[in-house]
N, C-alpha and C. Protein backbone atom coordinates (compact mmCIF):
# COMPACT_ATOMS: atom_id res chain seq x y z
N MET A 1 12.55 14.11 7.71
CA MET A 1 12.02 13.59 8.96
C MET A 1 10.50 13.71 8.94
N SER A 2 9.85 12.66 9.27
CA SER A 2 8.38 12.68 9.27
C SER A 2 7.85 12.88 10.68
N THR A 3 6.62 13.32 10.73
CA THR A 3 5.96 13.56 12.02
C THR A 3 5.28 12.27 12.48
N PRO A 4 4.97 12.18 13.76
CA PRO A 4 4.20 11.03 14.24
C PRO A 4 2.85 10.90 13.53
N GLN A 5 2.24 12.02 13.16
CA GLN A 5 0.96 11.99 12.46
C GLN A 5 1.11 11.37 11.07
N GLU A 6 2.21 11.67 10.38
CA GLU A 6 2.46 11.09 9.06
C GLU A 6 2.69 9.59 9.18
N GLN A 7 3.44 9.19 10.20
CA GLN A 7 3.67 7.76 10.43
C GLN A 7 2.35 7.05 10.72
N GLU A 8 1.52 7.66 11.55
CA GLU A 8 0.23 7.07 11.88
C GLU A 8 -0.67 6.98 10.65
N HIS A 9 -0.68 8.03 9.83
CA HIS A 9 -1.48 8.00 8.60
C HIS A 9 -1.03 6.86 7.69
N THR A 10 0.27 6.70 7.55
CA THR A 10 0.81 5.62 6.71
C THR A 10 0.35 4.26 7.24
N ALA A 11 0.46 4.05 8.53
CA ALA A 11 0.05 2.76 9.13
C ALA A 11 -1.45 2.52 8.94
N ILE A 12 -2.26 3.54 9.16
CA ILE A 12 -3.72 3.39 9.00
C ILE A 12 -4.05 3.08 7.54
N THR A 13 -3.40 3.76 6.62
CA THR A 13 -3.67 3.55 5.19
C THR A 13 -3.32 2.12 4.78
N VAL A 14 -2.19 1.62 5.25
CA VAL A 14 -1.78 0.25 4.91
C VAL A 14 -2.75 -0.76 5.53
N ARG A 15 -3.16 -0.54 6.76
CA ARG A 15 -4.16 -1.45 7.37
C ARG A 15 -5.45 -1.47 6.56
N ARG A 16 -5.90 -0.30 6.13
CA ARG A 16 -7.13 -0.22 5.33
C ARG A 16 -6.96 -0.94 3.99
N PHE A 17 -5.75 -0.92 3.43
CA PHE A 17 -5.47 -1.61 2.18
C PHE A 17 -5.82 -3.09 2.31
N PHE A 18 -5.40 -3.71 3.41
CA PHE A 18 -5.69 -5.13 3.61
C PHE A 18 -7.10 -5.35 4.12
N GLU A 19 -7.48 -4.64 5.17
CA GLU A 19 -8.75 -4.92 5.84
C GLU A 19 -9.96 -4.52 5.00
N ASP A 20 -9.92 -3.35 4.39
CA ASP A 20 -11.08 -2.86 3.65
C ASP A 20 -11.02 -3.22 2.16
N VAL A 21 -9.87 -3.02 1.54
CA VAL A 21 -9.78 -3.24 0.10
C VAL A 21 -9.75 -4.74 -0.20
N PHE A 22 -8.80 -5.49 0.35
CA PHE A 22 -8.71 -6.91 0.02
C PHE A 22 -9.73 -7.76 0.78
N ASN A 23 -9.81 -7.61 2.08
CA ASN A 23 -10.70 -8.49 2.85
C ASN A 23 -12.18 -8.21 2.58
N ARG A 24 -12.55 -6.96 2.35
CA ARG A 24 -13.96 -6.61 2.16
C ARG A 24 -14.30 -6.25 0.71
N ALA A 25 -13.26 -6.13 -0.14
CA ALA A 25 -13.45 -5.73 -1.55
C ALA A 25 -14.25 -4.44 -1.66
N ASP A 26 -13.86 -3.45 -0.88
CA ASP A 26 -14.57 -2.17 -0.83
C ASP A 26 -13.93 -1.18 -1.81
N ARG A 27 -14.57 -1.01 -2.94
CA ARG A 27 -14.04 -0.13 -4.00
C ARG A 27 -13.99 1.33 -3.54
N LYS A 28 -14.96 1.77 -2.77
CA LYS A 28 -14.99 3.16 -2.29
C LYS A 28 -13.74 3.46 -1.46
N VAL A 29 -13.38 2.56 -0.57
CA VAL A 29 -12.17 2.76 0.24
C VAL A 29 -10.94 2.73 -0.66
N ALA A 30 -10.92 1.82 -1.62
CA ALA A 30 -9.79 1.75 -2.55
C ALA A 30 -9.55 3.10 -3.20
N GLU A 31 -10.61 3.74 -3.64
CA GLU A 31 -10.47 5.04 -4.30
C GLU A 31 -10.03 6.14 -3.34
N GLU A 32 -10.30 5.98 -2.05
CA GLU A 32 -9.87 6.95 -1.04
C GLU A 32 -8.38 6.85 -0.73
N ILE A 33 -7.85 5.62 -0.70
CA ILE A 33 -6.48 5.42 -0.18
C ILE A 33 -5.45 5.04 -1.24
N ILE A 34 -5.89 4.76 -2.46
CA ILE A 34 -4.97 4.30 -3.50
C ILE A 34 -4.89 5.33 -4.62
N ALA A 35 -3.67 5.64 -5.05
CA ALA A 35 -3.46 6.56 -6.16
C ALA A 35 -4.03 5.94 -7.44
N PRO A 36 -4.65 6.75 -8.29
CA PRO A 36 -5.24 6.21 -9.53
C PRO A 36 -4.24 5.48 -10.42
N ASP A 37 -2.96 5.89 -10.35
CA ASP A 37 -1.93 5.28 -11.20
C ASP A 37 -1.04 4.30 -10.43
N ILE A 38 -1.61 3.66 -9.42
CA ILE A 38 -0.86 2.68 -8.63
C ILE A 38 -0.21 1.62 -9.53
N VAL A 39 0.93 1.12 -9.08
CA VAL A 39 1.54 -0.06 -9.69
C VAL A 39 1.65 -1.09 -8.57
N TYR A 40 1.06 -2.26 -8.81
CA TYR A 40 1.03 -3.35 -7.83
C TYR A 40 1.82 -4.51 -8.39
N TYR A 41 2.96 -4.78 -7.77
CA TYR A 41 3.81 -5.89 -8.20
C TYR A 41 3.54 -7.08 -7.31
N GLY A 42 2.54 -7.89 -7.68
CA GLY A 42 2.30 -9.19 -7.08
C GLY A 42 2.83 -10.15 -8.13
N PRO A 43 2.17 -10.13 -9.28
CA PRO A 43 2.79 -10.79 -10.44
C PRO A 43 3.96 -9.94 -10.92
N ASP A 44 4.96 -10.59 -11.49
CA ASP A 44 6.18 -9.89 -11.89
C ASP A 44 5.93 -8.70 -12.81
N GLU A 45 5.00 -8.85 -13.76
CA GLU A 45 4.76 -7.78 -14.74
C GLU A 45 4.03 -6.59 -14.13
N GLY A 46 3.45 -6.76 -12.99
CA GLY A 46 2.76 -5.68 -12.31
C GLY A 46 1.35 -5.45 -12.85
N ILE A 47 0.55 -4.86 -12.01
CA ILE A 47 -0.81 -4.47 -12.36
C ILE A 47 -0.84 -2.96 -12.23
N ARG A 48 -1.34 -2.30 -13.25
CA ARG A 48 -1.30 -0.85 -13.27
C ARG A 48 -2.69 -0.25 -13.16
N GLY A 49 -2.80 0.78 -12.34
CA GLY A 49 -4.04 1.52 -12.19
C GLY A 49 -4.98 0.89 -11.18
N ILE A 50 -5.84 1.73 -10.64
CA ILE A 50 -6.77 1.27 -9.61
C ILE A 50 -7.77 0.27 -10.18
N ASP A 51 -8.18 0.44 -11.45
CA ASP A 51 -9.11 -0.52 -12.05
C ASP A 51 -8.47 -1.90 -12.17
N GLY A 52 -7.21 -1.95 -12.60
CA GLY A 52 -6.50 -3.23 -12.71
C GLY A 52 -6.32 -3.89 -11.36
N LEU A 53 -5.96 -3.09 -10.36
CA LEU A 53 -5.79 -3.62 -9.01
C LEU A 53 -7.12 -4.15 -8.49
N PHE A 54 -8.17 -3.36 -8.64
CA PHE A 54 -9.44 -3.78 -8.08
C PHE A 54 -10.00 -5.01 -8.80
N GLN A 55 -9.62 -5.19 -10.05
CA GLN A 55 -10.04 -6.40 -10.77
C GLN A 55 -9.46 -7.64 -10.10
N ILE A 56 -8.16 -7.62 -9.75
CA ILE A 56 -7.57 -8.78 -9.08
C ILE A 56 -8.09 -8.92 -7.67
N VAL A 57 -8.37 -7.79 -7.00
CA VAL A 57 -8.98 -7.85 -5.66
C VAL A 57 -10.31 -8.59 -5.74
N THR A 58 -11.14 -8.24 -6.71
CA THR A 58 -12.45 -8.87 -6.86
C THR A 58 -12.33 -10.35 -7.15
N VAL A 59 -11.42 -10.71 -8.05
CA VAL A 59 -11.22 -12.13 -8.39
C VAL A 59 -10.76 -12.91 -7.16
N MET A 60 -9.79 -12.37 -6.43
CA MET A 60 -9.28 -13.08 -5.25
C MET A 60 -10.36 -13.16 -4.16
N HIS A 61 -11.10 -12.10 -3.99
CA HIS A 61 -12.16 -12.08 -2.98
C HIS A 61 -13.25 -13.10 -3.31
N ASN A 62 -13.68 -13.14 -4.55
CA ASN A 62 -14.78 -14.01 -4.95
C ASN A 62 -14.38 -15.47 -5.16
N SER A 63 -13.20 -15.71 -5.71
CA SER A 63 -12.83 -17.09 -6.03
C SER A 63 -12.00 -17.78 -4.96
N LEU A 64 -11.29 -17.01 -4.16
CA LEU A 64 -10.42 -17.61 -3.14
C LEU A 64 -10.89 -17.28 -1.71
N GLN A 65 -11.92 -16.52 -1.56
CA GLN A 65 -12.35 -16.05 -0.24
C GLN A 65 -11.13 -15.61 0.58
N VAL A 66 -10.29 -14.81 -0.07
CA VAL A 66 -9.01 -14.43 0.50
C VAL A 66 -9.20 -13.56 1.75
N HIS A 67 -8.29 -13.76 2.71
CA HIS A 67 -8.27 -12.96 3.92
C HIS A 67 -6.81 -12.67 4.29
N PHE A 68 -6.54 -11.42 4.57
CA PHE A 68 -5.20 -11.02 4.98
C PHE A 68 -5.21 -10.68 6.46
N ARG A 69 -4.21 -11.17 7.18
CA ARG A 69 -4.03 -10.84 8.59
C ARG A 69 -2.64 -10.22 8.73
N ILE A 70 -2.58 -8.99 9.19
CA ILE A 70 -1.29 -8.33 9.38
C ILE A 70 -0.64 -8.89 10.64
N GLU A 71 0.55 -9.40 10.47
CA GLU A 71 1.33 -9.92 11.60
C GLU A 71 2.26 -8.83 12.15
N GLN A 72 2.84 -8.05 11.24
CA GLN A 72 3.76 -6.99 11.62
C GLN A 72 3.65 -5.86 10.60
N LEU A 73 3.62 -4.63 11.07
CA LEU A 73 3.57 -3.47 10.19
C LEU A 73 4.61 -2.47 10.67
N ILE A 74 5.45 -2.03 9.74
CA ILE A 74 6.47 -1.03 10.05
C ILE A 74 6.19 0.19 9.19
N ALA A 75 5.95 1.33 9.83
CA ALA A 75 5.71 2.59 9.14
C ALA A 75 6.46 3.67 9.90
N GLU A 76 7.71 3.89 9.54
CA GLU A 76 8.54 4.83 10.27
C GLU A 76 8.58 6.22 9.66
N ASP A 77 7.92 6.38 8.50
CA ASP A 77 7.88 7.71 7.90
C ASP A 77 6.54 7.86 7.18
N GLY A 78 6.36 8.95 6.50
CA GLY A 78 5.10 9.22 5.85
C GLY A 78 5.00 8.72 4.43
N ILE A 79 6.04 8.02 3.94
CA ILE A 79 6.00 7.60 2.54
C ILE A 79 6.27 6.12 2.29
N THR A 80 6.79 5.39 3.29
CA THR A 80 7.05 3.97 3.08
C THR A 80 6.52 3.15 4.25
N ALA A 81 6.23 1.89 3.94
CA ALA A 81 5.81 0.95 4.99
C ALA A 81 6.14 -0.45 4.50
N ALA A 82 6.22 -1.36 5.44
CA ALA A 82 6.43 -2.77 5.12
C ALA A 82 5.54 -3.60 6.05
N THR A 83 5.03 -4.70 5.52
CA THR A 83 4.20 -5.59 6.33
C THR A 83 4.61 -7.03 6.13
N LEU A 84 4.41 -7.79 7.18
CA LEU A 84 4.41 -9.24 7.11
C LEU A 84 2.97 -9.62 7.37
N THR A 85 2.35 -10.31 6.43
CA THR A 85 0.96 -10.72 6.59
C THR A 85 0.84 -12.21 6.36
N THR A 86 -0.28 -12.75 6.77
CA THR A 86 -0.66 -14.11 6.41
C THR A 86 -1.83 -13.98 5.47
N ILE A 87 -1.70 -14.57 4.28
CA ILE A 87 -2.79 -14.60 3.32
C ILE A 87 -3.37 -16.01 3.37
N SER A 88 -4.67 -16.09 3.58
CA SER A 88 -5.32 -17.40 3.65
C SER A 88 -6.61 -17.34 2.86
N GLY A 89 -7.13 -18.51 2.56
CA GLY A 89 -8.39 -18.55 1.83
C GLY A 89 -8.80 -19.96 1.50
N THR A 90 -9.95 -20.05 0.85
CA THR A 90 -10.50 -21.32 0.37
C THR A 90 -10.92 -21.13 -1.07
N HIS A 91 -10.53 -22.03 -1.92
CA HIS A 91 -10.78 -21.95 -3.36
C HIS A 91 -12.22 -22.38 -3.66
N VAL A 92 -13.08 -21.39 -3.95
CA VAL A 92 -14.51 -21.67 -4.17
C VAL A 92 -14.99 -21.32 -5.57
N GLY A 93 -14.15 -20.67 -6.38
CA GLY A 93 -14.55 -20.29 -7.73
C GLY A 93 -13.36 -20.34 -8.66
N ASP A 94 -13.63 -20.30 -9.97
CA ASP A 94 -12.56 -20.33 -10.96
C ASP A 94 -11.53 -19.24 -10.65
N PHE A 95 -10.26 -19.63 -10.57
CA PHE A 95 -9.18 -18.68 -10.32
C PHE A 95 -8.11 -18.87 -11.37
N LEU A 96 -8.02 -17.93 -12.29
CA LEU A 96 -7.04 -17.97 -13.37
C LEU A 96 -7.06 -19.31 -14.12
N GLY A 97 -8.27 -19.80 -14.36
CA GLY A 97 -8.43 -21.05 -15.11
C GLY A 97 -8.36 -22.31 -14.26
N ILE A 98 -8.12 -22.18 -12.97
CA ILE A 98 -8.07 -23.34 -12.07
C ILE A 98 -9.46 -23.51 -11.46
N GLN A 99 -10.07 -24.65 -11.71
CA GLN A 99 -11.41 -24.91 -11.20
C GLN A 99 -11.37 -25.21 -9.70
N PRO A 100 -12.37 -24.77 -8.96
CA PRO A 100 -12.36 -24.93 -7.50
C PRO A 100 -12.53 -26.38 -7.06
N GLN A 101 -11.72 -26.75 -6.06
CA GLN A 101 -11.83 -28.06 -5.43
C GLN A 101 -11.89 -27.92 -3.91
N GLY A 102 -12.10 -26.70 -3.44
CA GLY A 102 -12.22 -26.48 -2.00
C GLY A 102 -10.91 -26.43 -1.26
N ALA A 103 -9.78 -26.29 -1.97
CA ALA A 103 -8.48 -26.26 -1.32
C ALA A 103 -8.37 -25.05 -0.39
N ALA A 104 -7.79 -25.27 0.76
CA ALA A 104 -7.51 -24.19 1.71
C ALA A 104 -6.01 -23.92 1.70
N PHE A 105 -5.65 -22.65 1.86
CA PHE A 105 -4.23 -22.30 1.88
C PHE A 105 -3.99 -21.20 2.91
N SER A 106 -2.76 -21.13 3.36
CA SER A 106 -2.31 -20.09 4.27
C SER A 106 -0.82 -19.90 4.04
N LEU A 107 -0.43 -18.68 3.68
CA LEU A 107 0.95 -18.41 3.32
C LEU A 107 1.43 -17.10 3.95
N PRO A 108 2.71 -17.04 4.31
CA PRO A 108 3.27 -15.75 4.73
C PRO A 108 3.51 -14.89 3.50
N ARG A 109 3.45 -13.59 3.69
CA ARG A 109 3.61 -12.65 2.57
C ARG A 109 4.26 -11.38 3.12
N VAL A 110 5.14 -10.79 2.32
CA VAL A 110 5.78 -9.52 2.67
C VAL A 110 5.37 -8.50 1.61
N ASP A 111 4.94 -7.32 2.05
CA ASP A 111 4.58 -6.23 1.14
C ASP A 111 5.35 -4.98 1.51
N ASN A 112 5.85 -4.30 0.49
CA ASN A 112 6.51 -3.01 0.66
C ASN A 112 5.66 -1.97 -0.04
N PHE A 113 5.39 -0.86 0.65
CA PHE A 113 4.50 0.18 0.17
C PHE A 113 5.25 1.48 -0.03
N LEU A 114 4.87 2.21 -1.07
CA LEU A 114 5.32 3.56 -1.30
C LEU A 114 4.07 4.44 -1.39
N LEU A 115 4.01 5.47 -0.57
CA LEU A 115 2.89 6.40 -0.60
C LEU A 115 3.33 7.73 -1.20
N GLU A 116 2.40 8.35 -1.89
CA GLU A 116 2.64 9.68 -2.45
C GLU A 116 1.39 10.52 -2.19
N ASN A 117 1.58 11.68 -1.60
CA ASN A 117 0.45 12.55 -1.25
C ASN A 117 -0.59 11.82 -0.40
N GLY A 118 -0.11 10.96 0.50
CA GLY A 118 -0.98 10.26 1.43
C GLY A 118 -1.71 9.06 0.86
N LYS A 119 -1.46 8.71 -0.43
CA LYS A 119 -2.13 7.56 -1.05
C LYS A 119 -1.10 6.52 -1.48
N ILE A 120 -1.54 5.28 -1.52
CA ILE A 120 -0.64 4.18 -1.92
C ILE A 120 -0.38 4.28 -3.41
N LYS A 121 0.89 4.45 -3.76
CA LYS A 121 1.33 4.64 -5.14
C LYS A 121 1.92 3.35 -5.71
N GLU A 122 2.56 2.56 -4.85
CA GLU A 122 3.21 1.33 -5.32
C GLU A 122 3.20 0.30 -4.21
N VAL A 123 2.95 -0.97 -4.59
CA VAL A 123 3.03 -2.09 -3.66
C VAL A 123 3.87 -3.17 -4.32
N ARG A 124 4.79 -3.73 -3.56
CA ARG A 124 5.59 -4.88 -4.02
C ARG A 124 5.32 -6.03 -3.06
N ALA A 125 4.60 -7.03 -3.57
CA ALA A 125 4.20 -8.18 -2.76
C ALA A 125 5.09 -9.37 -3.08
N VAL A 126 5.54 -10.07 -2.04
CA VAL A 126 6.37 -11.25 -2.22
C VAL A 126 5.78 -12.39 -1.41
N PHE A 127 5.40 -13.46 -2.10
CA PHE A 127 5.00 -14.70 -1.43
C PHE A 127 5.14 -15.84 -2.41
N ASP A 128 4.99 -17.05 -1.94
CA ASP A 128 5.23 -18.24 -2.75
C ASP A 128 4.00 -18.55 -3.61
N HIS A 129 3.92 -17.87 -4.76
CA HIS A 129 2.81 -18.09 -5.69
C HIS A 129 2.71 -19.55 -6.11
N GLN A 130 3.85 -20.15 -6.39
CA GLN A 130 3.85 -21.53 -6.91
C GLN A 130 3.27 -22.52 -5.91
N SER A 131 3.57 -22.33 -4.65
CA SER A 131 3.01 -23.19 -3.62
C SER A 131 1.49 -23.05 -3.57
N MET A 132 1.01 -21.81 -3.68
CA MET A 132 -0.44 -21.60 -3.68
C MET A 132 -1.08 -22.26 -4.90
N PHE A 133 -0.49 -22.09 -6.08
CA PHE A 133 -1.05 -22.70 -7.29
C PHE A 133 -1.04 -24.23 -7.21
N ARG A 134 0.04 -24.81 -6.67
CA ARG A 134 0.08 -26.27 -6.50
C ARG A 134 -1.05 -26.73 -5.58
N THR A 135 -1.27 -26.00 -4.51
CA THR A 135 -2.32 -26.34 -3.55
C THR A 135 -3.69 -26.26 -4.22
N LEU A 136 -3.94 -25.19 -4.96
CA LEU A 136 -5.23 -25.03 -5.63
C LEU A 136 -5.47 -26.13 -6.66
N LYS A 137 -4.46 -26.46 -7.44
CA LYS A 137 -4.60 -27.48 -8.48
C LYS A 137 -4.80 -28.86 -7.89
N ALA A 138 -4.14 -29.13 -6.76
CA ALA A 138 -4.25 -30.45 -6.13
C ALA A 138 -5.55 -30.60 -5.35
N GLY A 139 -6.13 -29.48 -4.94
CA GLY A 139 -7.36 -29.53 -4.17
C GLY A 139 -7.14 -29.94 -2.72
N ASN A 140 -5.91 -29.82 -2.27
CA ASN A 140 -5.56 -30.19 -0.89
C ASN A 140 -5.45 -28.95 -0.03
N THR A 141 -5.28 -29.17 1.25
CA THR A 141 -4.87 -28.06 2.10
C THR A 141 -3.39 -27.86 1.86
N GLN A 142 -2.88 -26.71 2.21
CA GLN A 142 -1.48 -26.43 1.97
C GLN A 142 -0.58 -27.41 2.73
N SER A 143 -0.92 -27.75 3.95
CA SER A 143 -0.06 -28.66 4.70
C SER A 143 -0.03 -30.04 4.04
N ASP A 144 -1.17 -30.48 3.48
CA ASP A 144 -1.19 -31.75 2.75
C ASP A 144 -0.29 -31.66 1.53
N ASN A 145 -0.32 -30.54 0.83
CA ASN A 145 0.47 -30.36 -0.37
C ASN A 145 1.96 -30.43 -0.06
N ARG A 146 2.38 -29.87 1.05
CA ARG A 146 3.80 -29.93 1.43
C ARG A 146 4.22 -31.37 1.71
N GLN A 147 3.34 -32.15 2.34
CA GLN A 147 3.68 -33.54 2.62
C GLN A 147 3.86 -34.30 1.31
N HIS A 148 2.97 -34.06 0.33
CA HIS A 148 3.11 -34.74 -0.96
C HIS A 148 4.39 -34.33 -1.66
N ALA A 149 4.73 -33.03 -1.61
CA ALA A 149 5.93 -32.55 -2.25
C ALA A 149 7.18 -33.15 -1.60
N ALA A 150 7.16 -33.28 -0.29
CA ALA A 150 8.33 -33.83 0.41
C ALA A 150 8.51 -35.32 0.11
N ALA A 151 7.43 -36.01 -0.21
CA ALA A 151 7.52 -37.44 -0.48
C ALA A 151 8.01 -37.77 -1.88
N ARG A 152 8.00 -36.77 -2.77
CA ARG A 152 8.46 -37.01 -4.14
C ARG A 152 9.95 -37.17 -4.20
N PRO A 153 10.43 -38.04 -5.10
CA PRO A 153 11.89 -38.20 -5.23
C PRO A 153 12.55 -37.00 -5.86
């Protein structure tokens, strides 16, 4: 059984993960709230370690002007949390070999967190990567991309 203080710490840590680490690309905060041996499962193979995580944070921040908005956060104990967020951005720089065309995107995303000793040890992110990549490659807004996809036979 966790205390209300542990639940609050978990919620604050998860909020800082999105607001400070991803939205602001603040490495100092990352080192405060993330375990050095974090495993981040956004891509299936996972990203290991704080350096690996911060590398993708920097790429997403600089090339996609990524912004996360927490829609719902559940932190009922001191070691786990789950969020529903909206990830949005505009493609302004090379992203994984995709040249920028100014495409804008906005997608729902679910993240599950595991904390150890008050720091984020593991994150499992789930969202429609393929839809985002199609949008970036087409240079459209996401809503335009869906219309094109629906019109295909």
